[in-house]
Amino acid sequence: MISLSQETADDFFEVEALYDLCFGVGRKALSSYRLRDGVSPVAQLSLLARDGEIVTGAIRYWPVRIDDAKALLLGPVAVHPTHQGEGLGGYLICESLKLAQLAGWERVMLIGDAPYYARFGFTLLANVQMPPPTDQARILGRDLQKGAWGGVSGQVCLWQD
């Protein structure tokens, strides 16, 4: 039986091991990780899927900004290879997006494959740039509040309160 819970500090190493398994240890060289350095994920949106005591899926969100617009950066989302193809990744995405909307977040973005993420309402963000070497065709966004991405453009940066 799969259960969802909020990630805690005690889960850190198990979640990191899952991300390494799914994406390789070189994953931290990606440009999106530069936006995460020294920043904690948004705790209430960082979810785990467990099969009993075993972490089988995880999703994290990070606060970023584009000029003065605050946004969420979704990722990574990972599902253990033994549970891939069961819809668990989609479930993590949908549930966490609902929580983000309820928490008052206006917009969310990610770096990913447009055909896959379109099913969750993500579209190309043509006027938003990530640090290089990001493929601009993979920068996707979704409004959590109607029209939230309207007029937002520029370079994605660390959010610092």
Protein backbone atom coordinates (compact mmCIF):
# COMPACT_ATOMS: atom_id res chain seq x y z
CA MET A 1 0.00 0.00 0.00
CA ILE A 2 1.47 3.38 -1.07
CA SER A 3 1.19 6.27 1.37
CA LEU A 4 2.15 9.94 0.96
CA SER A 5 3.83 12.03 3.63
CA GLN A 6 5.83 15.21 3.93
CA GLU A 7 9.59 14.73 3.70
CA THR A 8 11.43 15.29 6.99
CA ALA A 9 15.10 15.82 7.81
CA ASP A 10 15.30 12.14 8.80
CA ASP A 11 14.39 11.16 5.22
CA PHE A 12 17.21 13.15 3.59
CA PHE A 13 19.70 10.34 2.91
CA GLU A 14 17.08 7.88 1.71
CA VAL A 15 15.63 10.48 -0.67
CA GLU A 16 19.09 11.46 -1.96
CA ALA A 17 19.85 7.77 -2.59
CA LEU A 18 16.62 7.49 -4.62
CA TYR A 19 17.55 10.57 -6.68
CA ASP A 20 21.06 9.17 -7.28
CA LEU A 21 19.57 5.84 -8.35
CA CYS A 22 17.13 7.49 -10.77
CA PHE A 23 19.29 10.32 -12.14
CA GLY A 24 22.90 9.35 -11.40
CA VAL A 25 25.38 10.95 -9.07
CA GLY A 26 26.22 13.59 -11.71
CA ARG A 27 22.74 15.09 -11.42
CA LYS A 28 24.01 17.92 -9.22
CA ALA A 29 25.99 19.31 -12.15
CA LEU A 30 22.73 20.40 -13.83
CA SER A 31 22.03 24.13 -13.96
CA SER A 32 18.87 23.78 -11.89
CA TYR A 33 21.00 22.66 -8.95
CA ARG A 34 22.75 26.03 -8.93
CA LEU A 35 19.38 27.55 -8.01
CA ARG A 36 19.08 25.13 -5.08
CA ASP A 37 22.52 25.68 -3.50
CA GLY A 38 22.13 26.87 0.05
CA VAL A 39 18.33 27.00 -0.22
CA SER A 40 16.00 24.61 1.56
CA PRO A 41 13.21 22.97 -0.39
CA VAL A 42 9.65 24.11 0.36
CA ALA A 43 8.94 21.67 3.18
CA GLN A 44 5.15 21.45 2.90
CA LEU A 45 5.40 20.53 -0.81
CA SER A 46 8.29 18.06 -0.59
CA LEU A 47 6.50 14.73 -0.52
CA LEU A 48 7.45 11.09 -0.22
CA ALA A 49 5.63 8.02 -1.44
CA ARG A 50 6.27 4.95 0.67
CA ASP A 51 5.48 1.30 0.15
CA GLY A 52 5.48 0.26 3.78
CA GLU A 53 8.71 1.74 5.17
CA ILE A 54 10.50 2.00 1.79
CA VAL A 55 10.67 5.32 -0.07
CA THR A 56 9.41 4.58 -3.57
CA GLY A 57 8.94 8.14 -4.83
CA ALA A 58 9.86 11.70 -3.96
CA ILE A 59 9.19 15.22 -5.18
CA ARG A 60 10.69 18.52 -4.10
CA TYR A 61 9.99 22.20 -4.82
CA TRP A 62 12.30 25.19 -4.47
CA PRO A 63 11.54 28.90 -4.24
CA VAL A 64 12.93 30.93 -7.16
CA ARG A 65 12.28 34.33 -8.67
CA ILE A 66 12.08 35.84 -12.12
CA ASP A 67 12.66 39.56 -11.61
CA ASP A 68 10.18 40.33 -8.80
CA ALA A 69 7.91 37.35 -9.44
CA LYS A 70 8.19 34.50 -6.96
CA ALA A 71 7.74 30.98 -8.36
CA LEU A 72 8.19 27.35 -7.45
CA LEU A 73 10.79 25.23 -9.23
CA LEU A 74 9.49 21.66 -9.31
CA GLY A 75 12.10 18.98 -9.22
CA PRO A 76 13.39 16.55 -8.96
CA VAL A 77 10.58 14.05 -9.01
CA ALA A 78 11.66 10.42 -8.95
CA VAL A 79 10.10 6.99 -8.70
CA HIS A 80 12.05 3.88 -7.77
CA PRO A 81 12.55 1.64 -10.84
CA THR A 82 10.48 -1.14 -9.25
CA HIS A 83 7.45 1.21 -9.17
CA GLN A 84 7.85 3.04 -12.47
CA GLY A 85 4.92 2.79 -14.85
CA GLU A 86 2.38 2.65 -12.02
CA GLY A 87 1.40 6.34 -12.16
CA LEU A 88 3.21 7.20 -8.94
CA GLY A 89 5.16 10.12 -10.46
CA GLY A 90 1.95 11.64 -11.80
CA TYR A 91 0.28 11.16 -8.43
CA LEU A 92 3.13 12.98 -6.65
CA ILE A 93 2.93 15.83 -9.17
CA CYS A 94 -0.85 16.21 -8.94
CA GLU A 95 -1.02 16.03 -5.16
CA SER A 96 1.84 18.45 -4.64
CA LEU A 97 0.40 20.94 -7.17
CA LYS A 98 -2.89 20.89 -5.24
CA LEU A 99 -1.00 21.62 -2.02
CA ALA A 100 0.95 24.44 -3.70
CA GLN A 101 -2.25 26.05 -4.92
CA LEU A 102 -3.89 25.75 -1.50
CA ALA A 103 -0.79 27.31 0.08
CA GLY A 104 -1.25 30.38 -2.12
CA TRP A 105 1.57 29.89 -4.61
CA GLU A 106 0.78 31.54 -7.94
CA ARG A 107 3.09 29.82 -10.43
CA VAL A 108 5.30 26.78 -10.84
CA MET A 109 8.00 25.91 -13.35
CA LEU A 110 10.23 22.99 -14.20
CA ILE A 111 12.80 21.76 -16.67
CA GLY A 112 11.43 18.75 -18.52
CA ASP A 113 9.88 17.11 -21.54
CA ALA A 114 6.92 19.15 -22.79
CA PRO A 115 4.96 16.14 -24.13
CA TYR A 116 5.09 14.43 -20.71
CA TYR A 117 4.36 17.48 -18.54
CA ALA A 118 1.60 18.86 -20.80
CA ARG A 119 -0.80 16.39 -19.18
CA PHE A 120 -0.32 18.29 -15.91
CA GLY A 121 -1.00 21.67 -17.54
CA PHE A 122 2.61 22.76 -18.18
CA THR A 123 3.45 24.80 -21.28
CA LEU A 124 6.57 26.41 -22.70
CA LEU A 125 7.82 29.54 -20.93
CA ALA A 126 9.30 31.34 -23.92
CA ASN A 127 10.29 34.48 -21.98
CA VAL A 128 11.94 32.79 -19.00
CA GLN A 129 15.62 31.84 -19.03
CA MET A 130 17.47 29.36 -16.84
CA PRO A 131 21.21 29.42 -16.21
CA PRO A 132 23.13 27.76 -19.05
CA PRO A 133 23.39 25.16 -20.39
CA THR A 134 19.62 24.68 -20.16
CA ASP A 135 17.69 23.86 -23.33
CA GLN A 136 15.12 26.69 -23.57
CA ALA A 137 12.57 24.30 -25.10
CA ARG A 138 12.49 22.41 -21.77
CA ILE A 139 11.56 25.40 -19.56
CA LEU A 140 7.90 24.84 -18.73
CA GLY A 141 5.43 26.57 -16.46
CA ARG A 142 1.94 26.29 -15.10
CA ASP A 143 -0.35 28.87 -13.53
CA LEU A 144 -1.60 27.95 -10.08
CA GLN A 145 -3.61 31.17 -10.05
CA LYS A 146 -5.24 32.29 -13.31
CA GLY A 147 -2.89 34.37 -15.47
CA ALA A 148 0.03 34.11 -13.02
CA TRP A 149 2.68 33.72 -15.75
CA GLY A 150 1.26 36.62 -17.79
CA GLY A 151 3.91 39.29 -18.19
CA VAL A 152 6.58 37.35 -16.27
CA SER A 153 9.90 37.25 -18.10
CA GLY A 154 13.60 37.20 -17.38
CA GLN A 155 16.30 35.13 -15.76
CA VAL A 156 15.43 32.59 -13.06
CA CYS A 157 17.40 33.34 -9.87
CA LEU A 158 17.64 32.16 -6.29
CA TRP A 159 14.84 33.43 -4.10
CA GLN A 160 16.20 35.07 -1.01
CA ASP A 161 13.81 36.57 1.52
